[in-house]
Every structure is written in structure tokens, then in C-alpha cells.
Amino acid sequence: MNIVLWADLQCPFCYTGETNLKHAIEELGIQDKVKMDIKAYEIHDDSMGNGILPMKEVFIEKHGMSDKEAEQTIEGINEMGRNEAGLDLNFGNVRESNDHDAHRVYKMARERGCGEQVRNALFEAYFGQDLVLHDRNVLLDIAQKNGLDRDEVKQMLESNLYNIEVENDQMEADAIRIESVPCFFIDLEKIPEHITKEAFMEILKKHM
């Protein structure tokens, strides 16, 4: 079974959806039957700021929400992650930035056999610890703690390595008209949104 998904590392719906999918695969016991490819999709560009405003202020200043509306939106997102996937999101305090380099670190980690550990750590750093994924020191710390050599990652980040891979992921998403993430393909069946573990299980059973 081939699964391809496009996701951003700062998207709570991507984090929840990926987690639901992984839980569904584990519950069905089909880990050895699934080949998964996770592709980069960058929601935040440099013009949106690099880790200055907490998300609550972003909702108020950039999206015109009232303080109460922003709090309700954030709590709804936190509740989604908690109820659907058991995730402890702290979305009101996260700070948006361009995470191009974080996607590059993940791609390097995947090649070195520690992609899942690094990806989980990137999600936890952003959603659980309010760390900024644009900060290369944050990325180096995560890489070092999860199976990568700090100096090698530093050299990679100072080079152009994996830039093309990340950009190609985005170009492929544009070519097949992916306009929002997460977007999943299970044996070419398109699932253009995050869904629950139970819903994933029903879809996966059809492809077994």
C-alpha cells in the first residue's frame, strides 16, 4: 500500500491528521505493508514574519479577530488535537515562521534512517514547547538529540542541500492542484483533509 501525504510542520491539522493515520496503521497492524512518503508543503513564507508574534496575536492582528474569537478558535484547535489524537497542543503560544529549513532537516533525517524521530521532535518543539522552526539552533538541537550529527546538519543548512527536494514537493503539489494541507493519497485515492483514526481505518481496509 502506497501512501503519500503533503503536510506543513506548523499546521495543527497536519499534525493531527498524520497522527491519526499512524495510529490507524498501528491499530490495523499493517506497518510492514505500508510505504509512506511525506512531502513538504510550506504554509508560511518569510513575509509572514519569523517567530515574532504568538498565534493568538496573529489571529487578532492579521485576521481581524476579537480577543474572544481568537481564544475560541485556538481552544477549538487544541481540543481537536486532544480529542482526536491525544496531542497536547498549545496553539495560542506558537509563533509562525518559514519552516523551509525544518523540512530540509526532515529530509536529511529520513535518508539517515531517523526521519520519524526527527519529525515527531519537530512537531513537539513547535506545538509543545513554543520553539521557532526558523531558528537554526533549534533545528540543530533537535537533530542532535534524535540521531543526526550536529556538525553535518549545520553544514547542510549552510549549503543548498535538499532545497530542490523541498521545492519539488511544492511544485508537485501545485501541479496536482493541492491548495491546502494535509492532503493524503492512499493508493491514489485522494483524501484532502485531516480525518479521524476511525475514518482512516475504514479507508485503509479497502486498500488491504
N, C-alpha and C. Protein backbone atom coordinates (compact mmCIF):
# COMPACT_ATOMS: atom_id res chain seq x y z
N MET A 1 0.85 -1.18 0.00
CA MET A 1 0.00 0.00 0.00
C MET A 1 0.89 1.24 0.00
N ASN A 2 0.67 2.12 -0.96
CA ASN A 2 1.45 3.34 -1.07
C ASN A 2 0.67 4.53 -0.55
N ILE A 3 1.27 5.26 0.38
CA ILE A 3 0.64 6.45 0.94
C ILE A 3 1.57 7.63 0.73
N VAL A 4 1.02 8.69 0.18
CA VAL A 4 1.77 9.93 0.00
C VAL A 4 0.96 11.04 0.66
N LEU A 5 1.64 11.87 1.43
CA LEU A 5 0.93 13.00 2.02
C LEU A 5 1.78 14.26 1.97
N TRP A 6 1.10 15.36 1.75
CA TRP A 6 1.73 16.68 1.80
C TRP A 6 1.32 17.32 3.12
N ALA A 7 2.30 17.91 3.81
CA ALA A 7 1.99 18.49 5.12
C ALA A 7 3.00 19.56 5.47
N ASP A 8 2.57 20.48 6.31
CA ASP A 8 3.45 21.50 6.87
C ASP A 8 3.71 21.18 8.33
N LEU A 9 4.90 21.50 8.79
CA LEU A 9 5.29 21.16 10.15
C LEU A 9 4.69 22.10 11.20
N GLN A 10 4.00 23.15 10.76
CA GLN A 10 3.40 24.10 11.69
C GLN A 10 1.88 24.12 11.60
N CYS A 11 1.33 23.12 10.93
CA CYS A 11 -0.11 23.04 10.73
C CYS A 11 -0.71 22.06 11.73
N PRO A 12 -1.58 22.51 12.64
CA PRO A 12 -2.15 21.59 13.63
C PRO A 12 -3.02 20.51 13.01
N PHE A 13 -3.64 20.81 11.87
CA PHE A 13 -4.46 19.81 11.18
C PHE A 13 -3.58 18.74 10.55
N CYS A 14 -2.38 19.15 10.08
CA CYS A 14 -1.42 18.18 9.55
C CYS A 14 -0.91 17.27 10.67
N TYR A 15 -0.54 17.86 11.79
CA TYR A 15 -0.04 17.09 12.92
C TYR A 15 -1.09 16.09 13.40
N THR A 16 -2.30 16.56 13.55
CA THR A 16 -3.39 15.69 14.00
C THR A 16 -3.68 14.61 12.96
N GLY A 17 -3.76 15.01 11.69
CA GLY A 17 -4.06 14.05 10.63
C GLY A 17 -2.98 12.98 10.48
N GLU A 18 -1.72 13.39 10.51
CA GLU A 18 -0.62 12.42 10.43
C GLU A 18 -0.68 11.44 11.60
N THR A 19 -0.94 11.98 12.78
CA THR A 19 -1.01 11.12 13.97
C THR A 19 -2.16 10.15 13.87
N ASN A 20 -3.32 10.62 13.41
CA ASN A 20 -4.47 9.73 13.23
C ASN A 20 -4.15 8.62 12.23
N LEU A 21 -3.48 8.97 11.14
CA LEU A 21 -3.12 7.97 10.14
C LEU A 21 -2.17 6.93 10.72
N LYS A 22 -1.15 7.38 11.44
CA LYS A 22 -0.18 6.45 12.02
C LYS A 22 -0.83 5.55 13.06
N HIS A 23 -1.74 6.10 13.85
CA HIS A 23 -2.45 5.28 14.83
C HIS A 23 -3.33 4.24 14.14
N ALA A 24 -3.95 4.63 13.03
CA ALA A 24 -4.79 3.69 12.28
C ALA A 24 -3.96 2.54 11.72
N ILE A 25 -2.80 2.86 11.18
CA ILE A 25 -1.90 1.84 10.63
C ILE A 25 -1.45 0.88 11.73
N GLU A 26 -1.10 1.45 12.88
CA GLU A 26 -0.64 0.62 14.00
C GLU A 26 -1.76 -0.27 14.53
N GLU A 27 -2.96 0.29 14.64
CA GLU A 27 -4.08 -0.49 15.18
C GLU A 27 -4.46 -1.64 14.25
N LEU A 28 -4.30 -1.43 12.95
CA LEU A 28 -4.58 -2.49 11.99
C LEU A 28 -3.41 -3.47 11.86
N GLY A 29 -2.27 -3.10 12.40
CA GLY A 29 -1.10 -3.97 12.34
C GLY A 29 -0.54 -4.15 10.94
N ILE A 30 -0.56 -3.10 10.14
CA ILE A 30 -0.13 -3.22 8.74
C ILE A 30 1.12 -2.38 8.45
N GLN A 31 1.92 -2.12 9.49
CA GLN A 31 3.11 -1.30 9.29
C GLN A 31 4.01 -1.84 8.18
N ASP A 32 4.14 -3.17 8.11
CA ASP A 32 5.05 -3.77 7.12
C ASP A 32 4.45 -3.80 5.72
N LYS A 33 3.20 -3.40 5.58
CA LYS A 33 2.54 -3.41 4.27
C LYS A 33 2.38 -2.01 3.69
N VAL A 34 2.85 -1.01 4.44
CA VAL A 34 2.65 0.38 4.03
C VAL A 34 3.98 1.03 3.66
N LYS A 35 4.01 1.67 2.53
CA LYS A 35 5.13 2.51 2.13
C LYS A 35 4.64 3.95 2.13
N MET A 36 5.25 4.78 2.99
CA MET A 36 4.75 6.15 3.15
C MET A 36 5.80 7.18 2.73
N ASP A 37 5.36 8.16 1.99
CA ASP A 37 6.22 9.27 1.58
C ASP A 37 5.57 10.56 2.04
N ILE A 38 6.27 11.31 2.89
CA ILE A 38 5.74 12.58 3.39
C ILE A 38 6.45 13.72 2.69
N LYS A 39 5.70 14.56 2.01
CA LYS A 39 6.25 15.64 1.21
C LYS A 39 6.03 17.00 1.88
N ALA A 40 6.91 17.92 1.58
CA ALA A 40 6.88 19.24 2.20
C ALA A 40 5.85 20.16 1.53
N TYR A 41 5.17 20.92 2.36
CA TYR A 41 4.26 21.96 1.88
C TYR A 41 4.42 23.13 2.85
N GLU A 42 4.90 24.27 2.34
CA GLU A 42 5.19 25.41 3.21
C GLU A 42 4.01 26.38 3.24
N ILE A 43 3.41 26.51 4.40
CA ILE A 43 2.28 27.43 4.56
C ILE A 43 2.77 28.86 4.77
N HIS A 44 3.82 29.02 5.55
CA HIS A 44 4.29 30.36 5.95
C HIS A 44 5.51 30.77 5.14
N ASP A 45 5.42 31.92 4.47
CA ASP A 45 6.61 32.44 3.81
C ASP A 45 7.23 33.55 4.66
N ASP A 46 8.39 34.04 4.23
CA ASP A 46 9.13 35.00 5.05
C ASP A 46 8.37 36.28 5.31
N SER A 47 7.46 36.64 4.39
CA SER A 47 6.71 37.89 4.57
C SER A 47 5.78 37.84 5.76
N MET A 48 5.49 36.64 6.25
CA MET A 48 4.57 36.49 7.37
C MET A 48 5.25 36.64 8.73
N GLY A 49 6.56 36.90 8.70
CA GLY A 49 7.28 37.04 9.96
C GLY A 49 7.93 35.74 10.37
N ASN A 50 8.99 35.85 11.11
CA ASN A 50 9.73 34.67 11.51
C ASN A 50 9.81 34.55 13.02
N GLY A 51 8.70 34.14 13.60
CA GLY A 51 8.69 33.82 15.01
C GLY A 51 8.52 35.00 15.94
N ILE A 52 7.90 36.06 15.47
CA ILE A 52 7.76 37.25 16.32
C ILE A 52 6.47 37.22 17.13
N LEU A 53 5.35 36.95 16.47
CA LEU A 53 4.06 37.04 17.14
C LEU A 53 3.54 35.66 17.54
N PRO A 54 3.01 35.53 18.76
CA PRO A 54 2.30 34.29 19.09
C PRO A 54 1.02 34.19 18.28
N MET A 55 0.53 32.98 18.09
CA MET A 55 -0.58 32.76 17.17
C MET A 55 -1.83 33.55 17.57
N LYS A 56 -2.06 33.71 18.84
CA LYS A 56 -3.23 34.49 19.25
C LYS A 56 -3.15 35.90 18.68
N GLU A 57 -1.97 36.51 18.74
CA GLU A 57 -1.81 37.86 18.20
C GLU A 57 -1.92 37.87 16.68
N VAL A 58 -1.48 36.79 16.03
CA VAL A 58 -1.62 36.68 14.58
C VAL A 58 -3.09 36.71 14.20
N PHE A 59 -3.90 35.93 14.92
CA PHE A 59 -5.33 35.90 14.62
C PHE A 59 -5.96 37.29 14.81
N ILE A 60 -5.53 38.00 15.83
CA ILE A 60 -6.11 39.32 16.12
C ILE A 60 -5.62 40.36 15.11
N GLU A 61 -4.29 40.43 14.90
CA GLU A 61 -3.71 41.49 14.08
C GLU A 61 -3.83 41.24 12.59
N LYS A 62 -3.69 39.98 12.17
CA LYS A 62 -3.68 39.68 10.73
C LYS A 62 -5.03 39.22 10.21
N HIS A 63 -5.83 38.62 11.07
CA HIS A 63 -7.10 38.07 10.60
C HIS A 63 -8.31 38.82 11.16
N GLY A 64 -8.05 39.87 11.93
CA GLY A 64 -9.12 40.75 12.38
C GLY A 64 -10.06 40.16 13.41
N MET A 65 -9.63 39.11 14.12
CA MET A 65 -10.47 38.51 15.15
C MET A 65 -10.44 39.35 16.42
N SER A 66 -11.52 39.26 17.18
CA SER A 66 -11.50 39.84 18.51
C SER A 66 -10.71 38.91 19.43
N ASP A 67 -10.39 39.42 20.61
CA ASP A 67 -9.66 38.60 21.58
C ASP A 67 -10.42 37.31 21.88
N LYS A 68 -11.73 37.43 22.07
CA LYS A 68 -12.55 36.27 22.39
C LYS A 68 -12.60 35.29 21.22
N GLU A 69 -12.75 35.82 19.99
CA GLU A 69 -12.80 34.95 18.81
C GLU A 69 -11.49 34.18 18.65
N ALA A 70 -10.37 34.88 18.89
CA ALA A 70 -9.07 34.22 18.77
C ALA A 70 -8.93 33.11 19.80
N GLU A 71 -9.35 33.37 21.03
CA GLU A 71 -9.26 32.36 22.09
C GLU A 71 -10.14 31.16 21.77
N GLN A 72 -11.34 31.41 21.25
CA GLN A 72 -12.25 30.31 20.92
C GLN A 72 -11.70 29.46 19.77
N THR A 73 -11.12 30.13 18.77
CA THR A 73 -10.53 29.40 17.64
C THR A 73 -9.38 28.53 18.11
N ILE A 74 -8.53 29.10 18.94
CA ILE A 74 -7.37 28.36 19.44
C ILE A 74 -7.80 27.19 20.30
N GLU A 75 -8.76 27.40 21.17
CA GLU A 75 -9.22 26.31 22.02
C GLU A 75 -9.86 25.21 21.19
N GLY A 76 -10.55 25.58 20.12
CA GLY A 76 -11.13 24.57 19.24
C GLY A 76 -10.05 23.71 18.59
N ILE A 77 -8.96 24.34 18.18
CA ILE A 77 -7.85 23.60 17.57
C ILE A 77 -7.17 22.71 18.61
N ASN A 78 -6.93 23.26 19.81
CA ASN A 78 -6.32 22.46 20.88
C ASN A 78 -7.19 21.25 21.23
N GLU A 79 -8.50 21.48 21.29
CA GLU A 79 -9.43 20.41 21.62
C GLU A 79 -9.45 19.34 20.53
N MET A 80 -9.36 19.76 19.28
CA MET A 80 -9.30 18.81 18.17
C MET A 80 -8.11 17.86 18.34
N GLY A 81 -6.94 18.42 18.56
CA GLY A 81 -5.75 17.60 18.71
C GLY A 81 -5.83 16.68 19.91
N ARG A 82 -6.40 17.21 21.00
CA ARG A 82 -6.51 16.43 22.24
C ARG A 82 -7.51 15.29 22.08
N ASN A 83 -8.68 15.59 21.55
CA ASN A 83 -9.74 14.59 21.48
C ASN A 83 -9.52 13.56 20.38
N GLU A 84 -8.99 14.01 19.24
CA GLU A 84 -8.82 13.09 18.12
C GLU A 84 -7.57 12.23 18.23
N ALA A 85 -6.47 12.84 18.68
CA ALA A 85 -5.18 12.15 18.58
C ALA A 85 -4.40 12.09 19.88
N GLY A 86 -4.97 12.64 20.97
CA GLY A 86 -4.25 12.63 22.24
C GLY A 86 -3.06 13.55 22.26
N LEU A 87 -3.09 14.61 21.43
CA LEU A 87 -1.96 15.54 21.35
C LEU A 87 -2.18 16.72 22.29
N ASP A 88 -1.13 17.14 22.94
CA ASP A 88 -1.20 18.29 23.85
C ASP A 88 -0.72 19.52 23.09
N LEU A 89 -1.63 20.12 22.32
CA LEU A 89 -1.28 21.30 21.54
C LEU A 89 -1.35 22.55 22.41
N ASN A 90 -0.50 23.50 22.10
CA ASN A 90 -0.50 24.78 22.79
C ASN A 90 -0.52 25.86 21.72
N PHE A 91 -1.57 25.85 20.90
CA PHE A 91 -1.56 26.61 19.66
C PHE A 91 -1.60 28.12 19.87
N GLY A 92 -2.07 28.57 21.00
CA GLY A 92 -2.13 30.00 21.23
C GLY A 92 -0.78 30.66 21.37
N ASN A 93 0.23 29.88 21.77
CA ASN A 93 1.55 30.44 22.02
C ASN A 93 2.56 30.15 20.92
N VAL A 94 2.20 29.31 19.93
CA VAL A 94 3.16 29.02 18.88
C VAL A 94 3.41 30.28 18.06
N ARG A 95 4.59 30.36 17.46
CA ARG A 95 4.95 31.54 16.67
C ARG A 95 5.30 31.10 15.25
N GLU A 96 4.53 31.65 14.30
CA GLU A 96 4.69 31.21 12.92
C GLU A 96 5.98 31.75 12.31
N SER A 97 6.57 30.93 11.45
CA SER A 97 7.76 31.32 10.72
C SER A 97 7.86 30.45 9.48
N ASN A 98 8.78 30.78 8.59
CA ASN A 98 9.03 29.92 7.45
C ASN A 98 9.78 28.68 7.94
N ASP A 99 9.29 27.50 7.58
CA ASP A 99 9.91 26.27 8.09
C ASP A 99 10.60 25.47 6.98
N HIS A 100 11.07 26.18 5.97
CA HIS A 100 11.77 25.54 4.86
C HIS A 100 12.95 24.70 5.36
N ASP A 101 13.75 25.28 6.26
CA ASP A 101 14.91 24.56 6.78
C ASP A 101 14.50 23.33 7.59
N ALA A 102 13.39 23.42 8.29
CA ALA A 102 12.91 22.27 9.07
C ALA A 102 12.54 21.12 8.14
N HIS A 103 11.94 21.44 7.00
CA HIS A 103 11.64 20.40 6.02
C HIS A 103 12.93 19.77 5.49
N ARG A 104 13.96 20.59 5.31
CA ARG A 104 15.25 20.08 4.84
C ARG A 104 15.85 19.12 5.87
N VAL A 105 15.76 19.49 7.13
CA VAL A 105 16.29 18.62 8.19
C VAL A 105 15.55 17.29 8.19
N TYR A 106 14.23 17.33 8.03
CA TYR A 106 13.47 16.09 7.99
C TYR A 106 13.91 15.21 6.83
N LYS A 107 14.11 15.81 5.66
CA LYS A 107 14.52 15.02 4.50
C LYS A 107 15.89 14.38 4.74
N MET A 108 16.80 15.10 5.34
CA MET A 108 18.10 14.53 5.67
C MET A 108 17.94 13.38 6.67
N ALA A 109 17.11 13.60 7.67
CA ALA A 109 16.89 12.57 8.69
C ALA A 109 16.28 11.32 8.08
N ARG A 110 15.35 11.49 7.17
CA ARG A 110 14.72 10.32 6.54
C ARG A 110 15.76 9.50 5.78
N GLU A 111 16.67 10.17 5.10
CA GLU A 111 17.72 9.47 4.38
C GLU A 111 18.66 8.72 5.34
N ARG A 112 18.81 9.27 6.54
CA ARG A 112 19.72 8.66 7.51
C ARG A 112 19.02 7.65 8.43
N GLY A 113 17.75 7.40 8.20
CA GLY A 113 17.05 6.38 8.96
C GLY A 113 16.44 6.83 10.27
N CYS A 114 16.39 8.14 10.51
CA CYS A 114 15.78 8.63 11.75
C CYS A 114 14.72 9.69 11.47
N GLY A 115 14.06 9.55 10.32
CA GLY A 115 13.08 10.56 9.92
C GLY A 115 11.91 10.68 10.86
N GLU A 116 11.37 9.55 11.31
CA GLU A 116 10.19 9.61 12.17
C GLU A 116 10.51 10.28 13.51
N GLN A 117 11.67 9.93 14.08
CA GLN A 117 12.05 10.54 15.37
C GLN A 117 12.21 12.05 15.23
N VAL A 118 12.89 12.47 14.17
CA VAL A 118 13.13 13.90 13.96
C VAL A 118 11.82 14.62 13.67
N ARG A 119 10.96 14.02 12.86
CA ARG A 119 9.68 14.67 12.53
C ARG A 119 8.83 14.85 13.78
N ASN A 120 8.75 13.80 14.60
CA ASN A 120 7.99 13.91 15.85
C ASN A 120 8.57 14.99 16.75
N ALA A 121 9.89 15.09 16.78
CA ALA A 121 10.54 16.10 17.63
C ALA A 121 10.29 17.51 17.12
N LEU A 122 10.23 17.67 15.79
CA LEU A 122 9.92 18.98 15.22
C LEU A 122 8.50 19.40 15.57
N PHE A 123 7.56 18.48 15.46
CA PHE A 123 6.18 18.78 15.84
C PHE A 123 6.11 19.14 17.33
N GLU A 124 6.75 18.37 18.16
CA GLU A 124 6.71 18.62 19.61
C GLU A 124 7.36 19.95 19.96
N ALA A 125 8.46 20.26 19.30
CA ALA A 125 9.14 21.53 19.56
C ALA A 125 8.22 22.71 19.25
N TYR A 126 7.50 22.60 18.14
CA TYR A 126 6.64 23.71 17.72
C TYR A 126 5.36 23.79 18.54
N PHE A 127 4.66 22.68 18.65
CA PHE A 127 3.35 22.70 19.28
C PHE A 127 3.40 22.54 20.80
N GLY A 128 4.45 21.93 21.31
CA GLY A 128 4.51 21.68 22.74
C GLY A 128 5.44 22.58 23.51
N GLN A 129 6.47 23.11 22.82
CA GLN A 129 7.48 23.90 23.51
C GLN A 129 7.56 25.35 23.02
N ASP A 130 6.71 25.71 22.07
CA ASP A 130 6.65 27.08 21.53
C ASP A 130 7.97 27.52 20.91
N LEU A 131 8.73 26.57 20.36
CA LEU A 131 10.00 26.90 19.73
C LEU A 131 9.78 27.30 18.27
N VAL A 132 10.68 28.11 17.75
CA VAL A 132 10.54 28.65 16.39
C VAL A 132 11.33 27.80 15.42
N LEU A 133 10.66 27.24 14.42
CA LEU A 133 11.31 26.33 13.49
C LEU A 133 12.17 27.05 12.46
N HIS A 134 12.13 28.36 12.44
CA HIS A 134 13.04 29.13 11.58
C HIS A 134 14.41 29.27 12.23
N ASP A 135 14.50 29.00 13.51
CA ASP A 135 15.74 29.17 14.27
C ASP A 135 16.63 27.95 14.04
N ARG A 136 17.76 28.15 13.43
CA ARG A 136 18.63 27.02 13.11
C ARG A 136 19.23 26.37 14.35
N ASN A 137 19.40 27.12 15.41
CA ASN A 137 19.88 26.50 16.65
C ASN A 137 18.87 25.50 17.20
N VAL A 138 17.59 25.84 17.07
CA VAL A 138 16.53 24.90 17.46
C VAL A 138 16.62 23.64 16.62
N LEU A 139 16.79 23.81 15.32
CA LEU A 139 16.86 22.66 14.42
C LEU A 139 18.09 21.80 14.72
N LEU A 140 19.20 22.44 15.01
CA LEU A 140 20.42 21.69 15.32
C LEU A 140 20.27 20.90 16.61
N ASP A 141 19.63 21.50 17.61
CA ASP A 141 19.40 20.79 18.87
C ASP A 141 18.51 19.57 18.65
N ILE A 142 17.45 19.75 17.89
CA ILE A 142 16.54 18.64 17.60
C ILE A 142 17.27 17.53 16.85
N ALA A 143 18.03 17.92 15.83
CA ALA A 143 18.76 16.94 15.04
C ALA A 143 19.73 16.14 15.89
N GLN A 144 20.47 16.84 16.72
CA GLN A 144 21.48 16.18 17.56
C GLN A 144 20.85 15.20 18.55
N LYS A 145 19.71 15.55 19.09
CA LYS A 145 19.05 14.70 20.09
C LYS A 145 18.33 13.51 19.47
N ASN A 146 18.21 13.50 18.14
CA ASN A 146 17.39 12.47 17.50
C ASN A 146 18.11 11.74 16.38
N GLY A 147 19.41 11.57 16.53
CA GLY A 147 20.12 10.65 15.66
C GLY A 147 20.99 11.24 14.58
N LEU A 148 21.05 12.55 14.46
CA LEU A 148 21.88 13.17 13.43
C LEU A 148 23.10 13.84 14.05
N ASP A 149 24.14 13.97 13.25
CA ASP A 149 25.36 14.64 13.68
C ASP A 149 25.18 16.15 13.54
N ARG A 150 25.37 16.87 14.63
CA ARG A 150 25.11 18.31 14.65
C ARG A 150 25.93 19.05 13.59
N ASP A 151 27.22 18.71 13.48
CA ASP A 151 28.08 19.41 12.52
C ASP A 151 27.65 19.13 11.09
N GLU A 152 27.24 17.90 10.80
CA GLU A 152 26.78 17.58 9.45
C GLU A 152 25.50 18.33 9.11
N VAL A 153 24.61 18.45 10.08
CA VAL A 153 23.36 19.19 9.83
C VAL A 153 23.66 20.68 9.64
N LYS A 154 24.58 21.20 10.42
CA LYS A 154 24.96 22.61 10.28
C LYS A 154 25.53 22.87 8.89
N GLN A 155 26.39 21.98 8.42
CA GLN A 155 26.94 22.13 7.07
C GLN A 155 25.85 22.05 6.02
N MET A 156 24.90 21.14 6.24
CA MET A 156 23.79 21.02 5.29
C MET A 156 22.98 22.31 5.24
N LEU A 157 22.65 22.86 6.39
CA LEU A 157 21.83 24.07 6.43
C LEU A 157 22.54 25.27 5.81
N GLU A 158 23.85 25.28 5.85
CA GLU A 158 24.63 26.37 5.27
C GLU A 158 24.85 26.18 3.77
N SER A 159 24.39 25.04 3.25
CA SER A 159 24.53 24.75 1.83
C SER A 159 23.15 24.81 1.16
N ASN A 160 23.10 24.32 -0.07
CA ASN A 160 21.83 24.26 -0.79
C ASN A 160 21.21 22.87 -0.79
N LEU A 161 21.80 21.96 -0.03
CA LEU A 161 21.30 20.60 0.00
C LEU A 161 19.83 20.55 0.43
N TYR A 162 19.07 19.74 -0.26
CA TYR A 162 17.65 19.48 -0.01
C TYR A 162 16.73 20.65 -0.35
N ASN A 163 17.30 21.77 -0.80
CA ASN A 163 16.43 22.86 -1.25
C ASN A 163 15.58 22.43 -2.43
N ILE A 164 16.21 21.78 -3.39
CA ILE A 164 15.49 21.36 -4.60
C ILE A 164 14.40 20.35 -4.25
N GLU A 165 14.71 19.42 -3.33
CA GLU A 165 13.72 18.42 -2.95
C GLU A 165 12.48 19.07 -2.34
N VAL A 166 12.69 20.03 -1.46
CA VAL A 166 11.56 20.73 -0.84
C VAL A 166 10.78 21.52 -1.89
N GLU A 167 11.50 22.20 -2.76
CA GLU A 167 10.84 22.99 -3.80
C GLU A 167 10.09 22.09 -4.78
N ASN A 168 10.65 20.93 -5.09
CA ASN A 168 9.97 19.99 -6.00
C ASN A 168 8.67 19.47 -5.39
N ASP A 169 8.69 19.24 -4.07
CA ASP A 169 7.45 18.83 -3.40
C ASP A 169 6.36 19.87 -3.60
N GLN A 170 6.73 21.14 -3.45
CA GLN A 170 5.75 22.22 -3.60
C GLN A 170 5.26 22.32 -5.04
N MET A 171 6.20 22.18 -5.99
CA MET A 171 5.83 22.24 -7.40
C MET A 171 4.89 21.08 -7.77
N GLU A 172 5.16 19.91 -7.22
CA GLU A 172 4.29 18.76 -7.49
C GLU A 172 2.90 19.01 -6.90
N ALA A 173 2.85 19.59 -5.69
CA ALA A 173 1.56 19.91 -5.08
C ALA A 173 0.78 20.89 -5.95
N ASP A 174 1.48 21.90 -6.46
CA ASP A 174 0.84 22.88 -7.33
C ASP A 174 0.33 22.23 -8.61
N ALA A 175 1.11 21.30 -9.15
CA ALA A 175 0.76 20.66 -10.43
C ALA A 175 -0.50 19.83 -10.31
N ILE A 176 -0.70 19.22 -9.14
CA ILE A 176 -1.91 18.40 -8.97
C ILE A 176 -2.98 19.14 -8.17
N ARG A 177 -2.79 20.45 -8.06
CA ARG A 177 -3.79 21.38 -7.52
C ARG A 177 -4.14 21.09 -6.06
N ILE A 178 -3.10 20.85 -5.28
CA ILE A 178 -3.29 20.79 -3.83
C ILE A 178 -3.27 22.22 -3.31
N GLU A 179 -4.35 22.64 -2.71
CA GLU A 179 -4.47 24.03 -2.27
C GLU A 179 -4.45 24.16 -0.75
N SER A 180 -4.55 23.07 -0.04
CA SER A 180 -4.50 23.11 1.42
C SER A 180 -3.97 21.78 1.93
N VAL A 181 -3.43 21.80 3.11
CA VAL A 181 -2.90 20.58 3.71
C VAL A 181 -3.50 20.39 5.10
N PRO A 182 -3.53 19.12 5.57
CA PRO A 182 -2.90 17.96 4.96
C PRO A 182 -3.68 17.45 3.76
N CYS A 183 -2.97 16.81 2.85
CA CYS A 183 -3.60 16.15 1.72
C CYS A 183 -2.97 14.77 1.58
N PHE A 184 -3.79 13.75 1.67
CA PHE A 184 -3.31 12.37 1.66
C PHE A 184 -3.71 11.67 0.37
N PHE A 185 -2.85 10.80 -0.12
CA PHE A 185 -3.18 9.90 -1.21
C PHE A 185 -2.89 8.48 -0.73
N ILE A 186 -3.90 7.64 -0.71
CA ILE A 186 -3.73 6.23 -0.35
C ILE A 186 -4.02 5.43 -1.60
N ASP A 187 -2.94 4.88 -2.20
CA ASP A 187 -3.06 4.20 -3.49
C ASP A 187 -3.84 5.05 -4.48
N LEU A 188 -3.48 6.31 -4.56
CA LEU A 188 -4.05 7.29 -5.50
C LEU A 188 -5.44 7.80 -5.10
N GLU A 189 -6.04 7.26 -4.04
CA GLU A 189 -7.29 7.84 -3.55
C GLU A 189 -6.97 9.10 -2.75
N LYS A 190 -7.53 10.20 -3.17
CA LYS A 190 -7.21 11.49 -2.55
C LYS A 190 -8.11 11.76 -1.35
N ILE A 191 -7.47 12.13 -0.25
CA ILE A 191 -8.19 12.50 0.97
C ILE A 191 -7.70 13.89 1.34
N PRO A 192 -8.39 14.95 0.91
CA PRO A 192 -7.85 16.30 1.00
C PRO A 192 -8.15 17.02 2.32
N GLU A 193 -8.06 16.32 3.43
CA GLU A 193 -8.26 16.97 4.72
C GLU A 193 -7.85 16.00 5.81
N HIS A 194 -7.73 16.50 7.04
CA HIS A 194 -7.43 15.57 8.13
C HIS A 194 -8.73 14.88 8.54
N ILE A 195 -8.63 13.58 8.82
CA ILE A 195 -9.80 12.83 9.27
C ILE A 195 -9.42 12.02 10.50
N THR A 196 -10.39 11.43 11.13
CA THR A 196 -10.16 10.71 12.38
C THR A 196 -9.46 9.38 12.13
N LYS A 197 -8.93 8.80 13.21
CA LYS A 197 -8.30 7.49 13.13
C LYS A 197 -9.28 6.46 12.59
N GLU A 198 -10.51 6.49 13.09
CA GLU A 198 -11.51 5.52 12.67
C GLU A 198 -11.82 5.64 11.17
N ALA A 199 -11.90 6.86 10.69
CA ALA A 199 -12.15 7.06 9.26
C ALA A 199 -10.98 6.56 8.42
N PHE A 200 -9.76 6.81 8.89
CA PHE A 200 -8.59 6.28 8.19
C PHE A 200 -8.62 4.76 8.17
N MET A 201 -9.01 4.15 9.27
CA MET A 201 -9.03 2.70 9.32
C MET A 201 -9.97 2.11 8.27
N GLU A 202 -11.12 2.73 8.09
CA GLU A 202 -12.07 2.24 7.10
C GLU A 202 -11.50 2.37 5.68
N ILE A 203 -10.81 3.47 5.42
CA ILE A 203 -10.22 3.65 4.09
C ILE A 203 -9.08 2.66 3.88
N LEU A 204 -8.25 2.50 4.89
CA LEU A 204 -7.12 1.58 4.77
C LEU A 204 -7.58 0.15 4.52
N LYS A 205 -8.67 -0.25 5.17
CA LYS A 205 -9.18 -1.61 4.99
C LYS A 205 -9.55 -1.88 3.54
N LYS A 206 -10.03 -0.84 2.86
CA LYS A 206 -10.41 -1.01 1.45
C LYS A 206 -9.19 -1.28 0.56
N HIS A 207 -8.03 -0.85 1.03
CA HIS A 207 -6.81 -0.98 0.21
C HIS A 207 -5.93 -2.14 0.66
N MET A 208 -6.37 -2.90 1.62
CA MET A 208 -5.58 -4.02 2.13
C MET A 208 -5.69 -5.24 1.21
